[in-house]
Amino acid sequence: MKILDESIQAMLAPGKGLLAADESFPTIGKRFKELGIASTEENRRAYRDLLFSTPGLAESISGVILFDETIHQKTAAGRPMVEAISAQGMLPGIKVDAGTEVLPAFPNEKFTLGLDGLRDRLSDYFKLGARFTKWRAVITIGNGIPTDACIDANAMTHALYAALSQEAGLVPIVEPEVLMDGDHSMERCEEVATAVLKRTFERLSEHRVVLEQMILKTGMILPGADSKGIASPSQVAEATLRCFRRSVPAAVPGIVFLSGGQKEVEATQRLNPICAVKGLPWRITFSYGRALQDPAMKAWGGKAQNVKAAQDALAHRARCNGLAVLGAYSESVENSKGA
C-alpha cells in the first residue's frame, strides 16, 4: 500500500525519532504518584496536551505513540489530539496490545494479549487518524528462561498483529523487548536478543508480513540492571549492531530503540555511536518514552504555571536525541539547555 510507504518515510525522517506517550493507566498512575500528581483523566489529558503542543517539537520528533484514552481526547482548545499532533507535523500512532499476562504452564514468563477484536479496532483507529501501531512483548532473562515456547508464542502474536495492521493501512511497530531486569551479562543479553529477533522475523515472514512496510522496536544490548557489568557506549554499539546484522533482515526499513529503563542522558549517549556508523541497511533512531518525558513530567508537577518549563525540558531532550540520530550529539549540546 502506498499509504504504508508514505507513513514509513515520515516516521523515519532524518534526525527525528518517535515520542512514546502510550503509558497504560497503571504505568502513568505510578509515575504521577511519585510526583504527587493525581492520575485523573483531566490530568492525563493536560499532561499529554502539553507534550504534543511543545513548540518546535516536530523538528526532532516525527511521530507520537498514543494510548487508547488519548486518541479519543481533545486539547484544552477543543481540538482532537490527533489533529493537534498532525498540525505540528508529526504522525499519530497508537498502542494496540492489551498488556501482558503469565504464559500458561510457564509461571515466570509472559505473553501479550489483544488479538481479540483487533481487526475492528484497527479500522476504527485508522478512521480516527492513526497511521501506525505498536505491539509490545516482554522477554525476561533468568534461570532457564526465556524458553523457546515463550519466544515463539510472542513471535506468533507479533506476526498476526503485524499482518492485521498492514491490512488496515497502518505501519506495525513490532516490539519484542528483552527486559533489563536481572543480573545477566551483556553476552547473555546479546544471545537472547539474537534468538528472539531471529524467531520473530521467521514468524513475520511465514505470515506474509511485508518487511519493507514495518518497523522494529527493540532494546540495546546491555548488561542486566542488577549485574556488576559496565559497558561503554562504544561497546554497546558494537554488540547491538552485531546482533542486528545477525538477526534483522536488510529489507526492514528502520529500527527504533526503546529506552527500557535507561536514564535519559545515558540513553542519548548510547544512541549516538550506534547511529554514527555508516553503511547500515536500516535507518536507526529512537522511540523513547520515559527517557524523553521524565524531565518534562518532573518540571510540570501537575501545575499549569509549569507548562512552559516542562515543554522546554521536553524540547531539549528531543533535540539531544535528534542530534544523536545524526551522530552529532555532544556534551556541549547536552549542556546547552538555554540555547
Protein backbone atom coordinates (compact mmCIF):
# COMPACT_ATOMS: atom_id res chain seq x y z
CA MET A 1 0.00 0.00 0.00
CA LYS A 2 1.23 3.46 -0.90
CA ILE A 3 -0.03 4.86 2.42
CA LEU A 4 2.26 2.46 4.32
CA ASP A 5 5.29 3.60 2.35
CA GLU A 6 4.40 7.25 2.94
CA SER A 7 3.98 6.66 6.67
CA ILE A 8 7.30 4.80 6.87
CA GLN A 9 9.11 7.68 5.19
CA ALA A 10 7.56 10.19 7.59
CA MET A 11 8.35 8.10 10.66
CA LEU A 12 11.98 7.60 9.65
CA ALA A 13 12.71 11.20 8.66
CA PRO A 14 16.42 12.01 9.12
CA GLY A 15 17.34 13.42 12.52
CA LYS A 16 13.99 12.56 14.06
CA GLY A 17 12.51 9.86 16.28
CA LEU A 18 9.28 8.83 17.97
CA LEU A 19 7.80 10.03 21.25
CA ALA A 20 6.25 7.10 23.11
CA ALA A 21 3.36 8.56 25.12
CA ASP A 22 1.36 5.33 25.34
CA GLU A 23 1.68 4.53 29.04
CA SER A 24 -1.16 2.40 30.40
CA PHE A 25 -3.27 3.59 33.34
CA PRO A 26 -1.15 1.69 35.93
CA THR A 27 2.14 2.93 34.45
CA ILE A 28 1.29 6.61 34.20
CA GLY A 29 -0.51 6.38 37.53
CA LYS A 30 2.68 5.13 39.18
CA ARG A 31 4.78 7.90 37.65
CA PHE A 32 2.27 10.56 38.63
CA LYS A 33 2.08 9.21 42.17
CA GLU A 34 5.85 9.55 42.57
CA LEU A 35 5.42 13.29 41.90
CA GLY A 36 2.25 13.75 43.94
CA ILE A 37 0.03 14.13 40.87
CA ALA A 38 -3.45 12.58 40.91
CA SER A 39 -3.94 10.23 37.96
CA THR A 40 -7.27 11.65 36.80
CA GLU A 41 -8.48 11.75 33.22
CA GLU A 42 -8.11 15.53 33.18
CA ASN A 43 -4.54 15.44 34.49
CA ARG A 44 -3.57 12.80 31.96
CA ARG A 45 -5.17 14.88 29.20
CA ALA A 46 -3.48 18.08 30.34
CA TYR A 47 -0.09 16.41 30.57
CA ARG A 48 -0.23 14.86 27.13
CA ASP A 49 -1.64 18.08 25.69
CA LEU A 50 1.44 19.98 26.90
CA LEU A 51 3.71 17.32 25.39
CA PHE A 52 2.13 17.40 21.95
CA SER A 53 1.84 21.19 21.82
CA THR A 54 5.52 21.79 22.64
CA PRO A 55 6.75 24.47 20.19
CA GLY A 56 9.17 23.11 17.61
CA LEU A 57 8.79 19.50 18.76
CA ALA A 58 8.42 18.28 15.17
CA GLU A 59 11.99 19.38 14.46
CA SER A 60 13.15 16.26 16.33
CA ILE A 61 10.00 14.13 16.64
CA SER A 62 8.40 12.51 13.60
CA GLY A 63 5.57 10.65 15.31
CA VAL A 64 3.78 10.08 18.61
CA ILE A 65 2.57 6.76 20.01
CA LEU A 66 -0.74 7.29 21.81
CA PHE A 67 -2.75 5.32 24.35
CA ASP A 68 -6.41 4.47 23.62
CA GLU A 69 -7.70 7.09 26.07
CA THR A 70 -5.60 9.83 24.48
CA ILE A 71 -6.60 9.20 20.87
CA HIS A 72 -10.20 9.95 21.89
CA GLN A 73 -9.37 13.10 23.86
CA LYS A 74 -9.23 16.76 22.86
CA THR A 75 -6.80 19.52 23.70
CA ALA A 76 -7.67 22.36 26.06
CA ALA A 77 -8.69 24.31 22.95
CA GLY A 78 -11.19 21.62 21.99
CA ARG A 79 -9.20 20.15 19.11
CA PRO A 80 -8.84 16.36 18.78
CA MET A 81 -5.40 15.28 19.95
CA VAL A 82 -4.74 13.54 16.64
CA GLU A 83 -5.40 16.75 14.72
CA ALA A 84 -3.15 18.74 17.04
CA ILE A 85 -0.32 16.23 16.51
CA SER A 86 -0.77 16.25 12.74
CA ALA A 87 -0.87 20.06 12.66
CA GLN A 88 2.54 20.08 14.36
CA GLY A 89 3.90 17.97 11.51
CA MET A 90 4.04 14.69 13.42
CA LEU A 91 2.39 11.37 12.60
CA PRO A 92 -0.11 9.92 15.13
CA GLY A 93 0.23 6.27 16.11
CA ILE A 94 -1.45 4.01 18.65
CA LYS A 95 -0.51 1.19 21.04
CA VAL A 96 -2.92 -1.67 20.30
CA ASP A 97 -1.88 -4.53 22.57
CA ALA A 98 -3.80 -5.16 25.80
CA GLY A 99 -0.86 -5.78 28.09
CA THR A 100 0.78 -8.98 29.27
CA GLU A 101 -0.23 -11.99 31.34
CA VAL A 102 1.56 -15.05 32.65
CA LEU A 103 2.11 -17.63 29.93
CA PRO A 104 0.12 -20.79 30.82
CA ALA A 105 2.40 -23.52 32.24
CA PHE A 106 5.33 -21.07 32.27
CA PRO A 107 4.86 -19.08 35.50
CA ASN A 108 7.97 -16.89 35.11
CA GLU A 109 7.22 -15.81 31.55
CA LYS A 110 4.59 -13.66 29.84
CA PHE A 111 2.71 -13.33 26.60
CA THR A 112 0.82 -10.36 25.18
CA LEU A 113 -2.96 -10.06 24.90
CA GLY A 114 -5.06 -8.05 22.46
CA LEU A 115 -5.76 -10.04 19.29
CA ASP A 116 -9.48 -10.41 20.04
CA GLY A 117 -11.38 -7.77 18.09
CA LEU A 118 -8.15 -6.25 16.79
CA ARG A 119 -9.25 -6.06 13.14
CA ASP A 120 -12.22 -3.86 14.04
CA ARG A 121 -10.18 -1.72 16.45
CA LEU A 122 -7.56 -1.11 13.80
CA SER A 123 -10.22 0.05 11.37
CA ASP A 124 -11.54 2.48 13.99
CA TYR A 125 -8.06 3.81 14.79
CA PHE A 126 -7.36 4.44 11.11
CA LYS A 127 -10.58 6.45 10.85
CA LEU A 128 -9.53 8.45 13.92
CA GLY A 129 -6.31 9.41 12.14
CA ALA A 130 -3.72 6.92 13.38
CA ARG A 131 -1.18 5.88 10.75
CA PHE A 132 0.92 3.38 12.65
CA THR A 133 0.54 0.93 15.53
CA LYS A 134 2.67 -0.66 18.23
CA TRP A 135 2.56 -4.07 19.93
CA ARG A 136 4.93 -4.93 22.78
CA ALA A 137 6.05 -8.30 24.05
CA VAL A 138 8.31 -8.76 27.08
CA ILE A 139 11.07 -11.35 27.34
CA THR A 140 12.68 -11.96 30.73
CA ILE A 141 16.20 -13.34 31.16
CA GLY A 142 16.63 -15.61 34.17
CA ASN A 143 17.38 -19.14 35.33
CA GLY A 144 16.27 -21.34 32.43
CA ILE A 145 14.39 -18.56 30.69
CA PRO A 146 13.40 -17.41 28.19
CA THR A 147 12.11 -20.73 26.88
CA ASP A 148 11.52 -21.48 23.22
CA ALA A 149 7.81 -21.67 24.00
CA CYS A 150 7.72 -18.11 25.31
CA ILE A 151 9.80 -16.74 22.44
CA ASP A 152 7.63 -18.49 19.87
CA ALA A 153 4.29 -17.54 21.45
CA ASN A 154 5.22 -13.87 21.37
CA ALA A 155 6.68 -14.10 17.87
CA MET A 156 3.44 -15.65 16.64
CA THR A 157 1.22 -12.95 18.15
CA HIS A 158 3.53 -10.28 16.77
CA ALA A 159 3.14 -11.78 13.30
CA LEU A 160 -0.65 -11.87 13.49
CA TYR A 161 -0.79 -8.31 14.82
CA ALA A 162 1.56 -7.02 12.12
CA ALA A 163 -0.39 -8.69 9.31
CA LEU A 164 -3.65 -7.21 10.61
CA SER A 165 -2.10 -3.75 10.90
CA GLN A 166 -0.82 -3.77 7.34
CA GLU A 167 -4.21 -4.98 6.14
CA ALA A 168 -5.73 -1.88 7.79
CA GLY A 169 -3.22 0.52 6.19
CA LEU A 170 -1.27 1.00 9.41
CA VAL A 171 2.50 0.56 9.77
CA PRO A 172 3.17 -2.04 12.51
CA ILE A 173 5.90 -1.40 15.04
CA VAL A 174 6.96 -4.82 16.29
CA GLU A 175 8.43 -4.53 19.79
CA PRO A 176 9.96 -7.65 21.36
CA GLU A 177 11.55 -6.15 24.48
CA VAL A 178 14.26 -8.13 26.25
CA LEU A 179 13.99 -6.68 29.75
CA MET A 180 16.99 -5.19 31.53
CA ASP A 181 15.78 -6.75 34.80
CA GLY A 182 18.20 -9.28 36.25
CA ASP A 183 21.89 -9.87 36.83
CA HIS A 184 22.69 -11.36 33.43
CA SER A 185 25.78 -10.42 31.46
CA MET A 186 25.91 -8.35 28.31
CA GLU A 187 26.84 -11.51 26.40
CA ARG A 188 23.72 -13.29 27.66
CA CYS A 189 21.58 -10.32 26.63
CA GLU A 190 23.02 -10.48 23.12
CA GLU A 191 22.44 -14.23 22.91
CA VAL A 192 18.78 -13.90 23.93
CA ALA A 193 18.08 -10.82 21.81
CA THR A 194 19.53 -12.51 18.73
CA ALA A 195 17.39 -15.62 19.27
CA VAL A 196 14.25 -13.54 19.86
CA LEU A 197 14.74 -11.42 16.76
CA LYS A 198 15.51 -14.41 14.55
CA ARG A 199 12.36 -16.22 15.64
CA THR A 200 10.25 -13.07 15.35
CA PHE A 201 11.28 -12.49 11.75
CA GLU A 202 10.73 -16.16 10.91
CA ARG A 203 7.12 -15.85 12.08
CA LEU A 204 6.63 -12.49 10.38
CA SER A 205 7.74 -13.97 7.07
CA GLU A 206 5.56 -17.06 7.49
CA HIS A 207 2.53 -14.79 7.96
CA ARG A 208 3.37 -12.79 4.84
CA VAL A 209 4.09 -9.57 6.66
CA VAL A 210 5.73 -7.16 4.23
CA LEU A 211 9.06 -6.46 5.90
CA GLU A 212 9.58 -3.28 3.89
CA GLN A 213 6.43 -1.84 5.49
CA MET A 214 7.10 -2.42 9.18
CA ILE A 215 9.45 -1.07 11.84
CA LEU A 216 11.30 -2.97 14.56
CA LYS A 217 11.39 -1.53 18.07
CA THR A 218 13.86 -3.16 20.41
CA GLY A 219 16.42 -2.51 23.11
CA MET A 220 20.16 -2.05 23.03
CA ILE A 221 22.44 -4.88 24.11
CA LEU A 222 23.17 -4.10 27.77
CA PRO A 223 24.18 -5.95 30.95
CA GLY A 224 21.36 -6.65 33.38
CA ALA A 225 20.37 -3.82 35.70
CA ASP A 226 21.41 -5.88 38.75
CA SER A 227 24.69 -7.07 37.31
CA LYS A 228 28.07 -5.54 38.03
CA GLY A 229 28.81 -5.23 34.35
CA ILE A 230 29.67 -1.84 32.92
CA ALA A 231 29.55 -1.20 29.19
CA SER A 232 30.79 1.89 27.39
CA PRO A 233 28.67 3.45 24.63
CA SER A 234 31.09 2.07 22.03
CA GLN A 235 30.81 -1.44 23.47
CA VAL A 236 27.01 -1.18 23.47
CA ALA A 237 27.09 -0.04 19.84
CA GLU A 238 29.35 -2.89 18.78
CA ALA A 239 27.27 -5.61 20.46
CA THR A 240 23.94 -4.13 19.37
CA LEU A 241 24.90 -3.80 15.72
CA ARG A 242 26.41 -7.28 15.71
CA CYS A 243 23.07 -8.61 16.99
CA PHE A 244 21.15 -6.73 14.29
CA ARG A 245 23.44 -7.88 11.49
CA ARG A 246 22.84 -11.49 12.54
CA SER A 247 19.09 -11.30 13.01
CA VAL A 248 17.34 -8.36 11.28
CA PRO A 249 16.70 -8.67 7.52
CA ALA A 250 18.02 -5.83 5.38
CA ALA A 251 14.50 -5.44 3.95
CA VAL A 252 13.33 -3.86 7.22
CA PRO A 253 13.49 -0.07 6.63
CA GLY A 254 14.04 1.05 10.20
CA ILE A 255 14.88 0.12 13.77
CA VAL A 256 13.85 2.31 16.69
CA PHE A 257 15.21 1.92 20.20
CA LEU A 258 13.18 1.75 23.39
CA SER A 259 14.88 3.29 26.40
CA GLY A 260 13.99 0.33 28.61
CA GLY A 261 14.78 1.86 31.97
CA GLN A 262 17.94 3.72 30.96
CA LYS A 263 18.42 7.20 32.37
CA GLU A 264 17.65 9.97 29.91
CA VAL A 265 21.19 11.21 29.26
CA GLU A 266 22.57 7.67 29.25
CA ALA A 267 20.07 6.64 26.56
CA THR A 268 21.18 9.54 24.36
CA GLN A 269 24.88 8.89 24.91
CA ARG A 270 24.47 5.26 23.83
CA LEU A 271 22.32 6.13 20.82
CA ASN A 272 24.92 8.45 19.29
CA PRO A 273 27.69 5.95 18.42
CA ILE A 274 25.20 3.44 17.03
CA CYS A 275 23.72 5.99 14.65
CA ALA A 276 27.15 7.33 13.74
CA VAL A 277 28.01 4.03 11.99
CA LYS A 278 27.72 4.42 8.22
CA GLY A 279 26.55 1.93 5.62
CA LEU A 280 23.89 0.12 7.67
CA PRO A 281 20.91 -1.30 5.73
CA TRP A 282 18.41 0.14 8.21
CA ARG A 283 17.67 3.68 9.34
CA ILE A 284 18.15 3.69 13.12
CA THR A 285 16.53 6.13 15.53
CA PHE A 286 14.73 6.29 18.88
CA SER A 287 11.25 5.66 20.24
CA TYR A 288 11.74 6.75 23.82
CA GLY A 289 9.10 7.16 26.49
CA ARG A 290 10.45 7.83 29.94
CA ALA A 291 13.88 8.89 28.63
CA LEU A 292 12.16 11.74 26.79
CA GLN A 293 9.39 12.53 29.23
CA ASP A 294 10.91 12.31 32.71
CA PRO A 295 12.41 15.83 32.84
CA ALA A 296 9.19 17.29 31.45
CA MET A 297 6.94 15.42 33.88
CA LYS A 298 9.08 16.49 36.83
CA ALA A 299 9.15 20.11 35.68
CA TRP A 300 5.37 20.15 35.22
CA GLY A 301 4.42 18.54 38.53
CA GLY A 302 0.73 18.82 37.69
CA LYS A 303 0.75 22.63 37.78
CA ALA A 304 -0.45 24.80 34.91
CA GLN A 305 2.14 27.50 35.62
CA ASN A 306 4.90 24.99 34.89
CA VAL A 307 3.80 24.09 31.36
CA LYS A 308 6.48 26.17 29.63
CA ALA A 309 9.25 24.74 31.81
CA ALA A 310 8.00 21.24 31.05
CA GLN A 311 7.88 21.93 27.32
CA ASP A 312 11.39 23.40 27.39
CA ALA A 313 12.63 20.22 29.10
CA LEU A 314 10.97 18.00 26.51
CA ALA A 315 12.25 20.10 23.61
CA HIS A 316 15.80 19.84 24.94
CA ARG A 317 15.72 16.07 25.30
CA ALA A 318 14.12 15.68 21.87
CA ARG A 319 16.79 17.90 20.31
CA CYS A 320 19.60 15.94 22.00
CA ASN A 321 18.23 12.66 20.71
CA GLY A 322 17.57 14.08 17.26
CA LEU A 323 21.23 15.08 17.04
CA ALA A 324 22.28 11.65 18.32
CA VAL A 325 20.39 10.10 15.39
CA LEU A 326 22.71 12.11 13.15
CA GLY A 327 25.76 11.10 15.20
CA ALA A 328 26.14 14.75 16.18
CA TYR A 329 25.34 14.68 19.91
CA SER A 330 27.95 16.05 22.32
CA GLU A 331 28.40 17.15 25.90
CA SER A 332 28.15 20.78 24.82
CA VAL A 333 24.77 20.07 23.22
CA GLU A 334 23.64 18.38 26.45
CA ASN A 335 24.65 21.41 28.50
CA SER A 336 23.08 23.98 26.17
CA LYS A 337 19.62 23.82 27.71
CA GLY A 338 19.08 27.54 27.39
CA ALA A 339 20.13 27.67 23.76
